[in-house]
Amino acid sequence: MKWPRRRRVRILLVSIAIVAAVAALVVMLSAISNRRNPNILTLQKGTSATPVPSQTQTKSTESQPTPALIASPENRMTPFVSTVSPGSPAGLIIPVLGVRPEQLRDTFAEARSEGRVHDAIDIAAARGTPVIAVADGPIVKLFQSERGGITIYQLSTDGKFVYYYAHLERYADGLAEGHFAKQGETIAYVGDTGNASPGNYHLHFSVAEISDPKNFWHGININPYPLLRK
């Protein structure tokens, strides 16, 4: 092709060629950049500027556990110890007539014979003092125990807890298994039966959380002291 003779025309054509070459170079560089970084956004009217992760990045994120599930010394949960569990029974009364809250003594963690822990509270009282139901609930077992002596097992109304009364002198007249005791009702009398030393008159009282009302003797002991001090 021959160049036009007029100088102005030649200058114009050269300028157009330069602009075209620069534009082609910009397009080529942009294509190379996009191939290296697929997450570059092309913003359009009405779109958000939030980057969208690639498919590979999404799979990698979904396959990793959340930080809370990673077991490490730094974030391992420390057991929270409370004197009253949030799931403990509420509204219990002291199961020995006439005993006031300030007279109670916390014996739950005290050691006992054969390496045992007490897991209960001892409430001292005179022989024959009425033992009353700490809450409403059925009497599920009247039992003669070597250690506990004359004992009573009572279930809570929701079947989640069992109340155990031991070292009794005797049962209340007419008490029988299946009887639904009302809170404050006399169910027995304080004694020293079982392995209580003679003359050591007191009520051994415990509370246990159970998972099966039919296996009420299997449960997790809860300290009755803070429940009765409320």
C-alpha atoms as a PDB file:
ATOM      1  CA  MET A   1       0.000   0.000   0.000  1.00  0.00           C
ATOM      2  CA  LYS A   2       1.276   3.504  -0.878  1.00  0.00           C
ATOM      3  CA  TRP A   3       1.132   6.314   1.643  1.00  0.00           C
ATOM      4  CA  PRO A   4      -1.092   9.338   0.666  1.00  0.00           C
ATOM      5  CA  ARG A   5       0.894  12.285  -0.434  1.00  0.00           C
ATOM      6  CA  ARG A   6      -0.702  14.779   1.844  1.00  0.00           C
ATOM      7  CA  ARG A   7       1.200  15.148   5.121  1.00  0.00           C
ATOM      8  CA  ARG A   8      -1.891  15.552   7.325  1.00  0.00           C
ATOM      9  CA  VAL A   9      -3.398  12.332   6.053  1.00  0.00           C
ATOM     10  CA  ARG A  10      -0.217  10.426   6.782  1.00  0.00           C
ATOM     11  CA  ILE A  11      -0.082  11.762  10.345  1.00  0.00           C
ATOM     12  CA  LEU A  12      -3.724  10.785  10.938  1.00  0.00           C
ATOM     13  CA  LEU A  13      -3.193   7.243   9.692  1.00  0.00           C
ATOM     14  CA  VAL A  14      -0.090   6.809  11.835  1.00  0.00           C
ATOM     15  CA  SER A  15      -2.010   8.019  14.922  1.00  0.00           C
ATOM     16  CA  ILE A  16      -4.855   5.600  14.262  1.00  0.00           C
ATOM     17  CA  ALA A  17      -2.369   2.727  13.900  1.00  0.00           C
ATOM     18  CA  ILE A  18      -0.698   3.617  17.218  1.00  0.00           C
ATOM     19  CA  VAL A  19      -4.034   3.815  19.052  1.00  0.00           C
ATOM     20  CA  ALA A  20      -5.102   0.452  17.629  1.00  0.00           C
ATOM     21  CA  ALA A  21      -1.808  -1.142  18.673  1.00  0.00           C
ATOM     22  CA  VAL A  22      -2.118   0.224  22.248  1.00  0.00           C
ATOM     23  CA  ALA A  23      -5.717  -1.000  22.493  1.00  0.00           C
ATOM     24  CA  ALA A  24      -4.705  -4.470  21.325  1.00  0.00           C
ATOM     25  CA  LEU A  25      -1.899  -4.546  23.901  1.00  0.00           C
ATOM     26  CA  VAL A  26      -4.316  -3.555  26.734  1.00  0.00           C
ATOM     27  CA  VAL A  27      -6.762  -6.306  25.730  1.00  0.00           C
ATOM     28  CA  MET A  28      -3.987  -8.900  25.658  1.00  0.00           C
ATOM     29  CA  LEU A  29      -2.642  -7.899  29.101  1.00  0.00           C
ATOM     30  CA  SER A  30      -6.191  -7.974  30.580  1.00  0.00           C
ATOM     31  CA  ALA A  31      -6.764 -11.491  29.261  1.00  0.00           C
ATOM     32  CA  ILE A  32      -3.497 -12.713  30.772  1.00  0.00           C
ATOM     33  CA  SER A  33      -4.384 -11.146  34.152  1.00  0.00           C
ATOM     34  CA  ASN A  34      -7.846 -12.775  34.216  1.00  0.00           C
ATOM     35  CA  ARG A  35      -6.378 -16.205  33.552  1.00  0.00           C
ATOM     36  CA  ARG A  36      -4.025 -15.808  36.534  1.00  0.00           C
ATOM     37  CA  ASN A  37      -6.734 -14.538  38.926  1.00  0.00           C
ATOM     38  CA  PRO A  38     -10.231 -15.912  38.175  1.00  0.00           C
ATOM     39  CA  ASN A  39     -11.745 -14.054  41.156  1.00  0.00           C
ATOM     40  CA  ILE A  40     -11.403 -10.582  39.554  1.00  0.00           C
ATOM     41  CA  LEU A  41     -14.884  -9.113  39.330  1.00  0.00           C
ATOM     42  CA  THR A  42     -16.352  -7.323  36.385  1.00  0.00           C
ATOM     43  CA  LEU A  43     -18.770  -4.889  37.992  1.00  0.00           C
ATOM     44  CA  GLN A  44     -21.996  -4.180  36.285  1.00  0.00           C
ATOM     45  CA  LYS A  45     -24.747  -1.802  37.155  1.00  0.00           C
ATOM     46  CA  GLY A  46     -26.688  -3.062  40.164  1.00  0.00           C
ATOM     47  CA  THR A  47     -24.154  -5.754  41.158  1.00  0.00           C
ATOM     48  CA  SER A  48     -22.369  -6.115  44.506  1.00  0.00           C
ATOM     49  CA  ALA A  49     -18.621  -5.681  44.942  1.00  0.00           C
ATOM     50  CA  THR A  50     -18.374  -8.796  47.150  1.00  0.00           C
ATOM     51  CA  PRO A  51     -15.929 -11.272  45.606  1.00  0.00           C
ATOM     52  CA  VAL A  52     -17.328 -14.680  44.674  1.00  0.00           C
ATOM     53  CA  PRO A  53     -14.977 -17.571  45.570  1.00  0.00           C
ATOM     54  CA  SER A  54     -14.047 -20.053  42.927  1.00  0.00           C
ATOM     55  CA  GLN A  55     -15.421 -23.609  42.995  1.00  0.00           C
ATOM     56  CA  THR A  56     -12.102 -24.935  44.278  1.00  0.00           C
ATOM     57  CA  GLN A  57     -12.037 -22.453  47.161  1.00  0.00           C
ATOM     58  CA  THR A  58     -15.642 -23.264  48.142  1.00  0.00           C
ATOM     59  CA  LYS A  59     -14.950 -26.994  48.428  1.00  0.00           C
ATOM     60  CA  SER A  60     -11.849 -26.349  50.510  1.00  0.00           C
ATOM     61  CA  THR A  61     -13.790 -24.142  52.955  1.00  0.00           C
ATOM     62  CA  GLU A  62     -16.667 -26.617  53.357  1.00  0.00           C
ATOM     63  CA  SER A  63     -14.361 -29.539  54.115  1.00  0.00           C
ATOM     64  CA  GLN A  64     -12.628 -27.849  57.057  1.00  0.00           C
ATOM     65  CA  PRO A  65     -14.152 -28.065  60.580  1.00  0.00           C
ATOM     66  CA  THR A  66     -15.176 -24.937  62.372  1.00  0.00           C
ATOM     67  CA  PRO A  67     -12.666 -23.685  64.964  1.00  0.00           C
ATOM     68  CA  ALA A  68     -15.019 -24.608  67.841  1.00  0.00           C
ATOM     69  CA  LEU A  69     -14.783 -28.311  66.913  1.00  0.00           C
ATOM     70  CA  ILE A  70     -10.993 -28.466  66.802  1.00  0.00           C
ATOM     71  CA  ALA A  71      -9.649 -30.221  69.878  1.00  0.00           C
ATOM     72  CA  SER A  72      -6.621 -28.308  71.100  1.00  0.00           C
ATOM     73  CA  PRO A  73      -5.350 -27.294  74.547  1.00  0.00           C
ATOM     74  CA  GLU A  74      -6.093 -23.653  73.759  1.00  0.00           C
ATOM     75  CA  ASN A  75      -9.807 -24.009  73.003  1.00  0.00           C
ATOM     76  CA  ARG A  76     -10.708 -27.193  74.897  1.00  0.00           C
ATOM     77  CA  MET A  77     -13.709 -26.500  77.138  1.00  0.00           C
ATOM     78  CA  THR A  78     -13.084 -26.378  80.878  1.00  0.00           C
ATOM     79  CA  PRO A  79     -15.838 -28.156  82.866  1.00  0.00           C
ATOM     80  CA  PHE A  80     -18.071 -25.663  84.638  1.00  0.00           C
ATOM     81  CA  VAL A  81     -18.650 -26.721  88.232  1.00  0.00           C
ATOM     82  CA  SER A  82     -21.778 -25.428  89.919  1.00  0.00           C
ATOM     83  CA  THR A  83     -23.211 -26.213  93.313  1.00  0.00           C
ATOM     84  CA  VAL A  84     -26.661 -26.318  91.744  1.00  0.00           C
ATOM     85  CA  SER A  85     -27.043 -27.828  88.298  1.00  0.00           C
ATOM     86  CA  PRO A  86     -29.429 -25.978  85.963  1.00  0.00           C
ATOM     87  CA  GLY A  87     -31.312 -29.261  85.588  1.00  0.00           C
ATOM     88  CA  SER A  88     -31.668 -29.884  89.337  1.00  0.00           C
ATOM     89  CA  PRO A  89     -35.117 -30.188  90.913  1.00  0.00           C
ATOM     90  CA  ALA A  90     -36.519 -26.938  92.251  1.00  0.00           C
ATOM     91  CA  GLY A  91     -38.812 -26.119  95.145  1.00  0.00           C
ATOM     92  CA  LEU A  92     -37.621 -28.850  97.516  1.00  0.00           C
ATOM     93  CA  ILE A  93     -38.268 -28.499 101.228  1.00  0.00           C
ATOM     94  CA  ILE A  94     -36.124 -29.811 104.085  1.00  0.00           C
ATOM     95  CA  PRO A  95     -37.271 -33.414 104.610  1.00  0.00           C
ATOM     96  CA  VAL A  96     -37.100 -33.329 108.418  1.00  0.00           C
ATOM     97  CA  LEU A  97     -39.856 -31.478 110.229  1.00  0.00           C
ATOM     98  CA  GLY A  98     -38.701 -28.432 112.197  1.00  0.00           C
ATOM     99  CA  VAL A  99     -35.150 -28.247 110.787  1.00  0.00           C
ATOM    100  CA  ARG A 100     -34.191 -24.793 109.521  1.00  0.00           C
ATOM    101  CA  PRO A 101     -31.854 -24.102 106.554  1.00  0.00           C
ATOM    102  CA  GLU A 102     -29.106 -22.645 108.752  1.00  0.00           C
ATOM    103  CA  GLN A 103     -28.973 -25.902 110.717  1.00  0.00           C
ATOM    104  CA  LEU A 104     -27.959 -27.936 107.675  1.00  0.00           C
ATOM    105  CA  ARG A 105     -24.367 -29.056 107.135  1.00  0.00           C
ATOM    106  CA  ASP A 106     -22.922 -29.966 103.753  1.00  0.00           C
ATOM    107  CA  THR A 107     -21.674 -33.568 104.023  1.00  0.00           C
ATOM    108  CA  PHE A 108     -21.954 -34.447 100.329  1.00  0.00           C
ATOM    109  CA  ALA A 109     -18.211 -34.809  99.652  1.00  0.00           C
ATOM    110  CA  GLU A 110     -17.234 -36.364 102.970  1.00  0.00           C
ATOM    111  CA  ALA A 111     -15.367 -39.682 102.955  1.00  0.00           C
ATOM    112  CA  ARG A 112     -17.021 -42.838 104.209  1.00  0.00           C
ATOM    113  CA  SER A 113     -15.872 -46.407 104.864  1.00  0.00           C
ATOM    114  CA  GLU A 114     -14.423 -48.591 102.123  1.00  0.00           C
ATOM    115  CA  GLY A 115     -13.204 -45.550 100.182  1.00  0.00           C
ATOM    116  CA  ARG A 116     -16.699 -44.291  99.440  1.00  0.00           C
ATOM    117  CA  VAL A 117     -17.871 -40.693  99.146  1.00  0.00           C
ATOM    118  CA  HIS A 118     -21.016 -39.786 101.054  1.00  0.00           C
ATOM    119  CA  ASP A 119     -22.935 -38.347  98.043  1.00  0.00           C
ATOM    120  CA  ALA A 120     -25.739 -37.293 100.401  1.00  0.00           C
ATOM    121  CA  ILE A 121     -26.571 -34.982 103.257  1.00  0.00           C
ATOM    122  CA  ASP A 122     -27.035 -36.051 106.884  1.00  0.00           C
ATOM    123  CA  ILE A 123     -29.707 -34.108 108.750  1.00  0.00           C
ATOM    124  CA  ALA A 124     -29.459 -34.546 112.495  1.00  0.00           C
ATOM    125  CA  ALA A 125     -32.682 -34.668 114.499  1.00  0.00           C
ATOM    126  CA  ALA A 126     -34.172 -36.335 117.539  1.00  0.00           C
ATOM    127  CA  ARG A 127     -35.324 -39.923 117.283  1.00  0.00           C
ATOM    128  CA  GLY A 128     -38.875 -40.162 115.957  1.00  0.00           C
ATOM    129  CA  THR A 129     -38.892 -36.711 114.316  1.00  0.00           C
ATOM    130  CA  PRO A 130     -41.214 -36.850 111.291  1.00  0.00           C
ATOM    131  CA  VAL A 131     -39.536 -37.271 107.910  1.00  0.00           C
ATOM    132  CA  ILE A 132     -41.561 -35.435 105.285  1.00  0.00           C
ATOM    133  CA  ALA A 133     -41.653 -35.685 101.486  1.00  0.00           C
ATOM    134  CA  VAL A 134     -39.371 -33.082  99.896  1.00  0.00           C
ATOM    135  CA  ALA A 135     -41.665 -32.825  96.879  1.00  0.00           C
ATOM    136  CA  ASP A 136     -44.697 -34.418  95.274  1.00  0.00           C
ATOM    137  CA  GLY A 137     -44.065 -37.853  93.802  1.00  0.00           C
ATOM    138  CA  PRO A 138     -44.803 -41.567  94.019  1.00  0.00           C
ATOM    139  CA  ILE A 139     -43.168 -43.908  96.513  1.00  0.00           C
ATOM    140  CA  VAL A 140     -41.539 -46.504  94.279  1.00  0.00           C
ATOM    141  CA  LYS A 141     -39.670 -48.661  96.803  1.00  0.00           C
ATOM    142  CA  LEU A 142     -39.687 -49.443 100.513  1.00  0.00           C
ATOM    143  CA  PHE A 143     -36.433 -51.261 101.162  1.00  0.00           C
ATOM    144  CA  GLN A 144     -34.513 -52.784 104.050  1.00  0.00           C
ATOM    145  CA  SER A 145     -30.824 -52.054 103.383  1.00  0.00           C
ATOM    146  CA  GLU A 146     -27.739 -53.266 105.247  1.00  0.00           C
ATOM    147  CA  ARG A 147     -26.166 -49.847 105.073  1.00  0.00           C
ATOM    148  CA  GLY A 148     -29.246 -47.632 104.858  1.00  0.00           C
ATOM    149  CA  GLY A 149     -31.440 -49.594 107.217  1.00  0.00           C
ATOM    150  CA  ILE A 150     -35.084 -48.739 106.670  1.00  0.00           C
ATOM    151  CA  THR A 151     -35.216 -46.729 103.439  1.00  0.00           C
ATOM    152  CA  ILE A 152     -37.590 -45.061 100.976  1.00  0.00           C
ATOM    153  CA  TYR A 153     -37.195 -44.317  97.274  1.00  0.00           C
ATOM    154  CA  GLN A 154     -39.447 -41.576  95.905  1.00  0.00           C
ATOM    155  CA  LEU A 155     -39.622 -40.416  92.279  1.00  0.00           C
ATOM    156  CA  SER A 156     -40.157 -36.836  91.143  1.00  0.00           C
ATOM    157  CA  THR A 157     -43.377 -36.219  89.235  1.00  0.00           C
ATOM    158  CA  ASP A 158     -41.496 -35.898  85.938  1.00  0.00           C
ATOM    159  CA  GLY A 159     -39.553 -39.129  86.526  1.00  0.00           C
ATOM    160  CA  LYS A 160     -36.195 -37.387  86.179  1.00  0.00           C
ATOM    161  CA  PHE A 161     -35.055 -37.567  89.815  1.00  0.00           C
ATOM    162  CA  VAL A 162     -35.157 -39.991  92.706  1.00  0.00           C
ATOM    163  CA  TYR A 163     -35.155 -38.989  96.387  1.00  0.00           C
ATOM    164  CA  TYR A 164     -33.646 -41.446  98.867  1.00  0.00           C
ATOM    165  CA  TYR A 165     -34.395 -41.432 102.594  1.00  0.00           C
ATOM    166  CA  ALA A 166     -32.355 -43.742 104.869  1.00  0.00           C
ATOM    167  CA  HIS A 167     -31.630 -44.731 108.522  1.00  0.00           C
ATOM    168  CA  LEU A 168     -35.345 -44.416 109.276  1.00  0.00           C
ATOM    169  CA  GLU A 169     -36.846 -45.569 112.551  1.00  0.00           C
ATOM    170  CA  ARG A 170     -40.048 -46.700 110.831  1.00  0.00           C
ATOM    171  CA  TYR A 171     -42.460 -45.845 108.045  1.00  0.00           C
ATOM    172  CA  ALA A 172     -45.541 -43.722 108.505  1.00  0.00           C
ATOM    173  CA  ASP A 173     -48.643 -45.776 109.171  1.00  0.00           C
ATOM    174  CA  GLY A 174     -50.192 -47.122 105.987  1.00  0.00           C
ATOM    175  CA  LEU A 175     -47.302 -46.094 103.715  1.00  0.00           C
ATOM    176  CA  ALA A 176     -46.979 -48.454 100.746  1.00  0.00           C
ATOM    177  CA  GLU A 177     -45.233 -48.653  97.406  1.00  0.00           C
ATOM    178  CA  GLY A 178     -47.224 -46.814  94.754  1.00  0.00           C
ATOM    179  CA  HIS A 179     -48.511 -44.207  97.185  1.00  0.00           C
ATOM    180  CA  PHE A 180     -48.352 -40.686  95.736  1.00  0.00           C
ATOM    181  CA  ALA A 181     -46.815 -38.567  98.501  1.00  0.00           C
ATOM    182  CA  LYS A 182     -47.583 -34.870  98.645  1.00  0.00           C
ATOM    183  CA  GLN A 183     -44.864 -32.397  99.547  1.00  0.00           C
ATOM    184  CA  GLY A 184     -44.733 -31.971 103.332  1.00  0.00           C
ATOM    185  CA  GLU A 185     -46.555 -35.248 104.016  1.00  0.00           C
ATOM    186  CA  THR A 186     -45.092 -37.399 106.802  1.00  0.00           C
ATOM    187  CA  ILE A 187     -43.700 -40.580 105.250  1.00  0.00           C
ATOM    188  CA  ALA A 188     -41.397 -41.882 108.008  1.00  0.00           C
ATOM    189  CA  TYR A 189     -39.530 -41.055 111.219  1.00  0.00           C
ATOM    190  CA  VAL A 190     -35.863 -40.314 111.982  1.00  0.00           C
ATOM    191  CA  GLY A 191     -33.864 -43.252 113.344  1.00  0.00           C
ATOM    192  CA  ASP A 192     -30.417 -44.871 113.444  1.00  0.00           C
ATOM    193  CA  THR A 193     -30.983 -48.100 111.503  1.00  0.00           C
ATOM    194  CA  GLY A 194     -28.472 -49.591 109.064  1.00  0.00           C
ATOM    195  CA  ASN A 195     -24.815 -48.691 109.533  1.00  0.00           C
ATOM    196  CA  ALA A 196     -25.527 -45.513 111.518  1.00  0.00           C
ATOM    197  CA  SER A 197     -23.851 -45.751 114.890  1.00  0.00           C
ATOM    198  CA  PRO A 198     -26.316 -46.403 117.748  1.00  0.00           C
ATOM    199  CA  GLY A 199     -27.836 -43.173 118.987  1.00  0.00           C
ATOM    200  CA  ASN A 200     -26.645 -41.208 115.935  1.00  0.00           C
ATOM    201  CA  TYR A 201     -30.144 -40.232 114.940  1.00  0.00           C
ATOM    202  CA  HIS A 202     -30.278 -38.530 111.577  1.00  0.00           C
ATOM    203  CA  LEU A 203     -31.798 -38.709 108.124  1.00  0.00           C
ATOM    204  CA  HIS A 204     -29.494 -39.700 105.282  1.00  0.00           C
ATOM    205  CA  PHE A 205     -30.992 -37.921 102.266  1.00  0.00           C
ATOM    206  CA  SER A 206     -29.793 -37.992  98.663  1.00  0.00           C
ATOM    207  CA  VAL A 207     -30.962 -36.795  95.246  1.00  0.00           C
ATOM    208  CA  ALA A 208     -30.006 -38.482  91.976  1.00  0.00           C
ATOM    209  CA  GLU A 209     -30.741 -37.621  88.376  1.00  0.00           C
ATOM    210  CA  ILE A 210     -31.913 -40.694  86.465  1.00  0.00           C
ATOM    211  CA  SER A 211     -32.458 -41.532  82.803  1.00  0.00           C
ATOM    212  CA  ASP A 212     -34.923 -44.394  83.295  1.00  0.00           C
ATOM    213  CA  PRO A 213     -37.597 -44.325  86.019  1.00  0.00           C
ATOM    214  CA  LYS A 214     -37.687 -48.144  85.948  1.00  0.00           C
ATOM    215  CA  ASN A 215     -34.001 -48.227  86.951  1.00  0.00           C
ATOM    216  CA  PHE A 216     -34.331 -45.584  89.624  1.00  0.00           C
ATOM    217  CA  TRP A 217     -31.367 -46.936  91.623  1.00  0.00           C
ATOM    218  CA  HIS A 218     -28.973 -45.982  88.804  1.00  0.00           C
ATOM    219  CA  GLY A 219     -28.331 -42.261  88.553  1.00  0.00           C
ATOM    220  CA  ILE A 220     -25.982 -39.341  89.025  1.00  0.00           C
ATOM    221  CA  ASN A 221     -25.914 -37.929  92.535  1.00  0.00           C
ATOM    222  CA  ILE A 222     -26.667 -34.240  93.022  1.00  0.00           C
ATOM    223  CA  ASN A 223     -25.669 -32.374  96.157  1.00  0.00           C
ATOM    224  CA  PRO A 224     -28.910 -31.768  98.121  1.00  0.00           C
ATOM    225  CA  TYR A 225     -27.359 -29.108 100.356  1.00  0.00           C
ATOM    226  CA  PRO A 226     -27.742 -26.084  98.038  1.00  0.00           C
ATOM    227  CA  LEU A 227     -31.170 -27.325  96.933  1.00  0.00           C
ATOM    228  CA  LEU A 228     -32.439 -27.381 100.513  1.00  0.00           C
ATOM    229  CA  ARG A 229     -30.768 -24.118 101.508  1.00  0.00           C
ATOM    230  CA  LYS A 230     -32.767 -22.106  98.970  1.00  0.00           C
END
